[in-house]
C-alpha atoms as a PDB file:
ATOM      1  CA  UNK A   1      30.052  53.366  49.896  1.00  0.00           C
ATOM      2  CA  UNK A   2      32.646  50.790  48.907  1.00  0.00           C
ATOM      3  CA  UNK A   3      34.503  51.669  45.679  1.00  0.00           C
ATOM      4  CA  UNK A   4      33.434  49.465  42.671  1.00  0.00           C
ATOM      5  CA  UNK A   5      35.563  46.337  42.345  1.00  0.00           C
ATOM      6  CA  UNK A   6      37.621  45.912  39.147  1.00  0.00           C
ATOM      7  CA  UNK A   7      36.823  42.825  37.111  1.00  0.00           C
ATOM      8  CA  UNK A   8      39.653  40.307  37.357  1.00  0.00           C
ATOM      9  CA  UNK A   9      41.722  40.211  34.145  1.00  0.00           C
ATOM     10  CA  UNK A  10      41.767  36.413  34.239  1.00  0.00           C
ATOM     11  CA  UNK A  11      38.950  35.990  31.688  1.00  0.00           C
ATOM     12  CA  UNK A  12      40.755  38.053  29.060  1.00  0.00           C
ATOM     13  CA  UNK A  13      44.063  36.407  29.823  1.00  0.00           C
ATOM     14  CA  UNK A  14      42.566  32.929  29.600  1.00  0.00           C
ATOM     15  CA  UNK A  15      41.025  33.618  26.211  1.00  0.00           C
ATOM     16  CA  UNK A  16      44.326  34.509  24.542  1.00  0.00           C
ATOM     17  CA  UNK A  17      46.279  31.253  24.969  1.00  0.00           C
ATOM     18  CA  UNK A  18      43.241  29.162  23.961  1.00  0.00           C
ATOM     19  CA  UNK A  19      43.643  30.191  20.307  1.00  0.00           C
ATOM     20  CA  UNK A  20      47.337  29.363  20.150  1.00  0.00           C
ATOM     21  CA  UNK A  21      47.182  25.570  19.655  1.00  0.00           C
ATOM     22  CA  UNK A  22      44.832  25.950  16.623  1.00  0.00           C
ATOM     23  CA  UNK A  23      47.663  26.655  14.136  1.00  0.00           C
ATOM     24  CA  UNK A  24      49.369  23.224  14.066  1.00  0.00           C
ATOM     25  CA  UNK A  25      45.966  21.476  13.867  1.00  0.00           C
ATOM     26  CA  UNK A  26      45.435  22.883  10.378  1.00  0.00           C
ATOM     27  CA  UNK A  27      48.307  20.740   9.080  1.00  0.00           C
ATOM     28  CA  UNK A  28      46.669  17.439  10.071  1.00  0.00           C
ATOM     29  CA  UNK A  29      44.394  16.843   7.036  1.00  0.00           C
ATOM     30  CA  UNK A  30      47.280  17.358   4.579  1.00  0.00           C
ATOM     31  CA  UNK A  31      49.540  15.040   6.547  1.00  0.00           C
ATOM     32  CA  UNK A  32      46.794  12.406   6.594  1.00  0.00           C
ATOM     33  CA  UNK A  33      46.375  12.697   2.822  1.00  0.00           C
ATOM     34  CA  UNK A  34      50.093  12.209   2.301  1.00  0.00           C
ATOM     35  CA  UNK A  35      50.302   9.286   4.712  1.00  0.00           C
ATOM     36  CA  UNK A  36      47.238   7.486   3.401  1.00  0.00           C
ATOM     37  CA  UNK A  37      48.145   7.780  -0.272  1.00  0.00           C
ATOM     38  CA  UNK A  38      46.106   9.406  -3.019  1.00  0.00           C
ATOM     39  CA  UNK A  39      42.537   8.173  -3.508  1.00  0.00           C
ATOM     40  CA  UNK A  40      41.304   7.117  -6.954  1.00  0.00           C
ATOM     41  CA  UNK A  41      38.394   9.570  -6.625  1.00  0.00           C
ATOM     42  CA  UNK A  42      40.831  12.447  -6.113  1.00  0.00           C
ATOM     43  CA  UNK A  43      42.904  11.381  -9.130  1.00  0.00           C
ATOM     44  CA  UNK A  44      39.748  11.214 -11.278  1.00  0.00           C
ATOM     45  CA  UNK A  45      38.660  14.667 -10.083  1.00  0.00           C
ATOM     46  CA  UNK A  46      42.037  16.143 -11.040  1.00  0.00           C
ATOM     47  CA  UNK A  47      42.051  14.334 -14.420  1.00  0.00           C
ATOM     48  CA  UNK A  48      38.564  15.665 -15.201  1.00  0.00           C
ATOM     49  CA  UNK A  49      39.647  19.190 -14.280  1.00  0.00           C
ATOM     50  CA  UNK A  50      42.990  19.266 -16.099  1.00  0.00           C
ATOM     51  CA  UNK A  51      42.961  16.636 -18.835  1.00  0.00           C
ATOM     52  CA  UNK A  52      46.358  15.408 -17.577  1.00  0.00           C
ATOM     53  CA  UNK A  53      47.359  11.714 -17.539  1.00  0.00           C
ATOM     54  CA  UNK A  54      46.596   9.418 -14.615  1.00  0.00           C
ATOM     55  CA  UNK A  55      50.203   8.969 -13.455  1.00  0.00           C
ATOM     56  CA  UNK A  56      50.866  12.722 -13.747  1.00  0.00           C
ATOM     57  CA  UNK A  57      47.780  13.434 -11.615  1.00  0.00           C
ATOM     58  CA  UNK A  58      48.847  10.862  -8.997  1.00  0.00           C
ATOM     59  CA  UNK A  59      52.297  12.420  -8.763  1.00  0.00           C
ATOM     60  CA  UNK A  60      50.901  15.977  -8.607  1.00  0.00           C
ATOM     61  CA  UNK A  61      48.552  15.039  -5.742  1.00  0.00           C
ATOM     62  CA  UNK A  62      51.289  13.162  -3.861  1.00  0.00           C
ATOM     63  CA  UNK A  63      53.650  16.147  -4.232  1.00  0.00           C
ATOM     64  CA  UNK A  64      50.959  18.527  -2.946  1.00  0.00           C
ATOM     65  CA  UNK A  65      49.518  16.501  -0.063  1.00  0.00           C
ATOM     66  CA  UNK A  66      46.238  15.761  -1.823  1.00  0.00           C
ATOM     67  CA  UNK A  67      45.402  19.446  -2.418  1.00  0.00           C
ATOM     68  CA  UNK A  68      43.498  19.663  -5.748  1.00  0.00           C
ATOM     69  CA  UNK A  69      44.177  23.375  -6.327  1.00  0.00           C
ATOM     70  CA  UNK A  70      47.901  23.078  -5.605  1.00  0.00           C
ATOM     71  CA  UNK A  71      48.121  19.933  -7.757  1.00  0.00           C
ATOM     72  CA  UNK A  72      46.444  21.796 -10.645  1.00  0.00           C
ATOM     73  CA  UNK A  73      49.007  24.610 -10.374  1.00  0.00           C
ATOM     74  CA  UNK A  74      51.788  21.990 -10.255  1.00  0.00           C
ATOM     75  CA  UNK A  75      50.519  20.420 -13.520  1.00  0.00           C
ATOM     76  CA  UNK A  76      50.062  23.827 -15.177  1.00  0.00           C
ATOM     77  CA  UNK A  77      53.688  24.713 -14.396  1.00  0.00           C
ATOM     78  CA  UNK A  78      54.835  21.500 -16.045  1.00  0.00           C
ATOM     79  CA  UNK A  79      52.633  22.149 -19.092  1.00  0.00           C
ATOM     80  CA  UNK A  80      50.528  19.052 -18.401  1.00  0.00           C
ATOM     81  CA  UNK A  81      47.223  20.793 -17.686  1.00  0.00           C
ATOM     82  CA  UNK A  82      45.060  22.770 -20.039  1.00  0.00           C
ATOM     83  CA  UNK A  83      44.961  26.479 -19.285  1.00  0.00           C
ATOM     84  CA  UNK A  84      41.940  26.690 -21.536  1.00  0.00           C
ATOM     85  CA  UNK A  85      38.947  27.154 -19.237  1.00  0.00           C
ATOM     86  CA  UNK A  86      36.575  25.777 -21.854  1.00  0.00           C
ATOM     87  CA  UNK A  87      38.523  22.522 -21.996  1.00  0.00           C
ATOM     88  CA  UNK A  88      38.451  22.107 -18.219  1.00  0.00           C
ATOM     89  CA  UNK A  89      34.720  22.641 -17.673  1.00  0.00           C
ATOM     90  CA  UNK A  90      32.665  19.555 -16.913  1.00  0.00           C
ATOM     91  CA  UNK A  91      30.969  17.946 -19.924  1.00  0.00           C
ATOM     92  CA  UNK A  92      27.823  16.528 -18.339  1.00  0.00           C
ATOM     93  CA  UNK A  93      25.595  16.254 -21.437  1.00  0.00           C
ATOM     94  CA  UNK A  94      26.199  14.601 -24.769  1.00  0.00           C
ATOM     95  CA  UNK A  95      25.037  12.414 -27.612  1.00  0.00           C
ATOM     96  CA  UNK A  96      25.554   8.835 -28.702  1.00  0.00           C
ATOM     97  CA  UNK A  97      26.247   8.290 -32.404  1.00  0.00           C
ATOM     98  CA  UNK A  98      26.675   5.130 -34.443  1.00  0.00           C
ATOM     99  CA  UNK A  99      28.356   4.275 -37.714  1.00  0.00           C
ATOM    100  CA  UNK A 100      27.844   1.007 -39.572  1.00  0.00           C
ATOM    101  CA  UNK A 101      30.277   0.465 -42.443  1.00  0.00           C
ATOM    102  CA  UNK A 102      29.048  -0.811 -45.799  1.00  0.00           C
ATOM    103  CA  UNK A 103      28.500  -4.562 -45.627  1.00  0.00           C
ATOM    104  CA  UNK A 104      27.864  -4.352 -41.857  1.00  0.00           C
ATOM    105  CA  UNK A 105      31.348  -5.671 -41.071  1.00  0.00           C
ATOM    106  CA  UNK A 106      32.281  -2.798 -38.779  1.00  0.00           C
ATOM    107  CA  UNK A 107      30.021  -1.033 -36.313  1.00  0.00           C
ATOM    108  CA  UNK A 108      30.968   1.833 -34.016  1.00  0.00           C
ATOM    109  CA  UNK A 109      29.070   3.384 -31.122  1.00  0.00           C
ATOM    110  CA  UNK A 110      30.543   6.546 -29.574  1.00  0.00           C
ATOM    111  CA  UNK A 111      29.527   8.903 -26.799  1.00  0.00           C
ATOM    112  CA  UNK A 112      30.571  12.525 -27.313  1.00  0.00           C
ATOM    113  CA  UNK A 113      30.084  14.848 -24.348  1.00  0.00           C
ATOM    114  CA  UNK A 114      29.349  18.558 -24.092  1.00  0.00           C
ATOM    115  CA  UNK A 115      28.428  21.037 -21.372  1.00  0.00           C
ATOM    116  CA  UNK A 116      24.715  21.621 -22.006  1.00  0.00           C
ATOM    117  CA  UNK A 117      21.646  19.727 -23.157  1.00  0.00           C
ATOM    118  CA  UNK A 118      20.953  22.584 -25.601  1.00  0.00           C
ATOM    119  CA  UNK A 119      24.241  21.919 -27.437  1.00  0.00           C
ATOM    120  CA  UNK A 120      23.720  18.138 -27.360  1.00  0.00           C
ATOM    121  CA  UNK A 121      20.382  18.497 -29.204  1.00  0.00           C
ATOM    122  CA  UNK A 122      21.847  20.740 -31.941  1.00  0.00           C
ATOM    123  CA  UNK A 123      22.386  19.478 -35.489  1.00  0.00           C
ATOM    124  CA  UNK A 124      26.047  20.572 -35.561  1.00  0.00           C
ATOM    125  CA  UNK A 125      26.845  18.581 -32.428  1.00  0.00           C
ATOM    126  CA  UNK A 126      25.058  15.497 -33.787  1.00  0.00           C
ATOM    127  CA  UNK A 127      27.061  15.841 -37.023  1.00  0.00           C
ATOM    128  CA  UNK A 128      30.279  16.099 -34.984  1.00  0.00           C
ATOM    129  CA  UNK A 129      29.402  12.913 -33.071  1.00  0.00           C
ATOM    130  CA  UNK A 130      28.616  11.111 -36.356  1.00  0.00           C
ATOM    131  CA  UNK A 131      31.953  12.208 -37.855  1.00  0.00           C
ATOM    132  CA  UNK A 132      33.813  10.954 -34.769  1.00  0.00           C
ATOM    133  CA  UNK A 133      32.065   7.569 -35.076  1.00  0.00           C
ATOM    134  CA  UNK A 134      33.130   7.337 -38.746  1.00  0.00           C
ATOM    135  CA  UNK A 135      36.689   8.320 -37.772  1.00  0.00           C
ATOM    136  CA  UNK A 136      36.860   5.529 -35.178  1.00  0.00           C
ATOM    137  CA  UNK A 137      35.653   3.004 -37.781  1.00  0.00           C
ATOM    138  CA  UNK A 138      38.440   4.152 -40.129  1.00  0.00           C
ATOM    139  CA  UNK A 139      41.154   3.757 -37.448  1.00  0.00           C
ATOM    140  CA  UNK A 140      41.254   0.106 -36.274  1.00  0.00           C
ATOM    141  CA  UNK A 141      44.573   0.630 -34.452  1.00  0.00           C
ATOM    142  CA  UNK A 142      43.177   3.312 -32.136  1.00  0.00           C
ATOM    143  CA  UNK A 143      43.070   2.160 -28.502  1.00  0.00           C
ATOM    144  CA  UNK A 144      42.368   5.372 -26.538  1.00  0.00           C
ATOM    145  CA  UNK A 145      41.178   8.965 -27.010  1.00  0.00           C
ATOM    146  CA  UNK A 146      44.240  11.045 -26.041  1.00  0.00           C
ATOM    147  CA  UNK A 147      47.968  10.190 -25.868  1.00  0.00           C
ATOM    148  CA  UNK A 148      47.803  10.882 -22.111  1.00  0.00           C
ATOM    149  CA  UNK A 149      45.323   7.987 -21.777  1.00  0.00           C
ATOM    150  CA  UNK A 150      47.949   5.413 -22.822  1.00  0.00           C
ATOM    151  CA  UNK A 151      48.659   2.708 -20.251  1.00  0.00           C
ATOM    152  CA  UNK A 152      51.790   3.964 -18.492  1.00  0.00           C
ATOM    153  CA  UNK A 153      52.967   0.448 -17.611  1.00  0.00           C
ATOM    154  CA  UNK A 154      52.865  -0.461 -21.304  1.00  0.00           C
ATOM    155  CA  UNK A 155      54.749   2.736 -22.205  1.00  0.00           C
ATOM    156  CA  UNK A 156      57.533   2.024 -19.685  1.00  0.00           C
ATOM    157  CA  UNK A 157      57.756  -1.607 -20.834  1.00  0.00           C
ATOM    158  CA  UNK A 158      58.170  -0.479 -24.458  1.00  0.00           C
ATOM    159  CA  UNK A 159      60.736   2.119 -23.364  1.00  0.00           C
ATOM    160  CA  UNK A 160      62.837  -0.557 -21.635  1.00  0.00           C
ATOM    161  CA  UNK A 161      62.701  -2.752 -24.764  1.00  0.00           C
ATOM    162  CA  UNK A 162      63.666   0.136 -27.067  1.00  0.00           C
ATOM    163  CA  UNK A 163      66.594   1.145 -24.823  1.00  0.00           C
ATOM    164  CA  UNK A 164      68.127  -2.326 -25.292  1.00  0.00           C
ATOM    165  CA  UNK A 165      67.696  -2.546 -29.065  1.00  0.00           C
ATOM    166  CA  UNK A 166      70.916  -3.359 -30.915  1.00  0.00           C
ATOM    167  CA  UNK A 167      70.798  -0.335 -33.223  1.00  0.00           C
ATOM    168  CA  UNK A 168      71.031   1.967 -30.172  1.00  0.00           C
ATOM    169  CA  UNK A 169      73.406   0.148 -27.814  1.00  0.00           C
ATOM    170  CA  UNK A 170      76.526   1.791 -29.245  1.00  0.00           C
ATOM    171  CA  UNK A 171      75.153   5.324 -28.724  1.00  0.00           C
ATOM    172  CA  UNK A 172      75.662   7.437 -25.562  1.00  0.00           C
ATOM    173  CA  UNK A 173      72.829   6.980 -23.057  1.00  0.00           C
ATOM    174  CA  UNK A 174      71.563  10.588 -23.303  1.00  0.00           C
ATOM    175  CA  UNK A 175      71.243  10.318 -27.096  1.00  0.00           C
ATOM    176  CA  UNK A 176      69.728   6.843 -26.780  1.00  0.00           C
ATOM    177  CA  UNK A 177      67.084   8.167 -24.363  1.00  0.00           C
ATOM    178  CA  UNK A 178      66.213  10.996 -26.761  1.00  0.00           C
ATOM    179  CA  UNK A 179      65.799   8.640 -29.740  1.00  0.00           C
ATOM    180  CA  UNK A 180      63.737   6.225 -27.635  1.00  0.00           C
ATOM    181  CA  UNK A 181      61.455   9.047 -26.445  1.00  0.00           C
ATOM    182  CA  UNK A 182      60.804   9.948 -30.085  1.00  0.00           C
ATOM    183  CA  UNK A 183      59.915   6.337 -30.892  1.00  0.00           C
ATOM    184  CA  UNK A 184      57.652   6.057 -27.835  1.00  0.00           C
ATOM    185  CA  UNK A 185      55.844   9.312 -28.682  1.00  0.00           C
ATOM    186  CA  UNK A 186      55.258   8.053 -32.235  1.00  0.00           C
ATOM    187  CA  UNK A 187      53.904   4.731 -30.962  1.00  0.00           C
ATOM    188  CA  UNK A 188      51.596   6.398 -28.402  1.00  0.00           C
ATOM    189  CA  UNK A 189      50.295   8.930 -30.951  1.00  0.00           C
ATOM    190  CA  UNK A 190      49.566   6.201 -33.512  1.00  0.00           C
ATOM    191  CA  UNK A 191      47.131   4.591 -31.045  1.00  0.00           C
ATOM    192  CA  UNK A 192      45.387   7.814 -29.934  1.00  0.00           C
ATOM    193  CA  UNK A 193      42.239   9.053 -31.651  1.00  0.00           C
ATOM    194  CA  UNK A 194      42.898  12.797 -31.311  1.00  0.00           C
ATOM    195  CA  UNK A 195      46.294  12.678 -33.066  1.00  0.00           C
ATOM    196  CA  UNK A 196      44.990  10.876 -36.183  1.00  0.00           C
ATOM    197  CA  UNK A 197      44.549  12.712 -39.481  1.00  0.00           C
ATOM    198  CA  UNK A 198      40.908  13.678 -39.815  1.00  0.00           C
ATOM    199  CA  UNK A 199      39.481  11.471 -42.581  1.00  0.00           C
ATOM    200  CA  UNK A 200      37.428  14.256 -44.229  1.00  0.00           C
ATOM    201  CA  UNK A 201      40.353  16.717 -44.259  1.00  0.00           C
ATOM    202  CA  UNK A 202      43.814  15.184 -43.774  1.00  0.00           C
ATOM    203  CA  UNK A 203      45.447  18.616 -43.404  1.00  0.00           C
ATOM    204  CA  UNK A 204      44.214  18.648 -39.791  1.00  0.00           C
ATOM    205  CA  UNK A 205      44.147  16.211 -36.891  1.00  0.00           C
ATOM    206  CA  UNK A 206      40.986  14.967 -35.176  1.00  0.00           C
ATOM    207  CA  UNK A 207      41.856  17.197 -32.204  1.00  0.00           C
ATOM    208  CA  UNK A 208      42.073  20.279 -34.464  1.00  0.00           C
ATOM    209  CA  UNK A 209      38.789  19.350 -36.162  1.00  0.00           C
ATOM    210  CA  UNK A 210      36.994  19.000 -32.801  1.00  0.00           C
ATOM    211  CA  UNK A 211      38.427  22.299 -31.521  1.00  0.00           C
ATOM    212  CA  UNK A 212      37.237  24.109 -34.657  1.00  0.00           C
ATOM    213  CA  UNK A 213      33.802  22.491 -34.450  1.00  0.00           C
ATOM    214  CA  UNK A 214      33.375  23.459 -30.790  1.00  0.00           C
ATOM    215  CA  UNK A 215      35.084  26.862 -30.842  1.00  0.00           C
ATOM    216  CA  UNK A 216      31.921  28.922 -31.066  1.00  0.00           C
END
């Protein structure tokens, strides 16, 4: 007849402190991302998701410890990322179109991407790709697709040159910077495909034409 012994409370007590150190451990991956720099793969992933420029994506990832979701929000707040879900979906399918100008002096081969194989096989999509190829042939000065694709080193080099031009040196720096930004934007847009006037309807840009053609 001994009374039943009570279980020692040690097991319960030991379990509680064991969970405590877990909280700081969660910070380690972010710290590692910040310390090790931003990987090119991560930058590409963010560019594909947002359509933002390479340098903007690098900065957004650095500011947010390599966190893609936080970096996307950061770019959205600054107006650098597309809020349009359709624009941010992955375009894994597509079509290749060619255009050979009369006399065979100019030839263009373009790849235009879309989300599904069904769309890629459609006549309207093939016509869109053919029109883009013709547009590229008509714009020999075009160097990239979007203004955000411009080489940032080249942009900063041009900015430094413009800031020292004689016609601006007498102006206050703030006004000079504003004028220079306007000149840089014009230069960048002149070399981007999407900002060109669409050759079949010059009342709209190539970007507007593509959006209309893919809106449905």
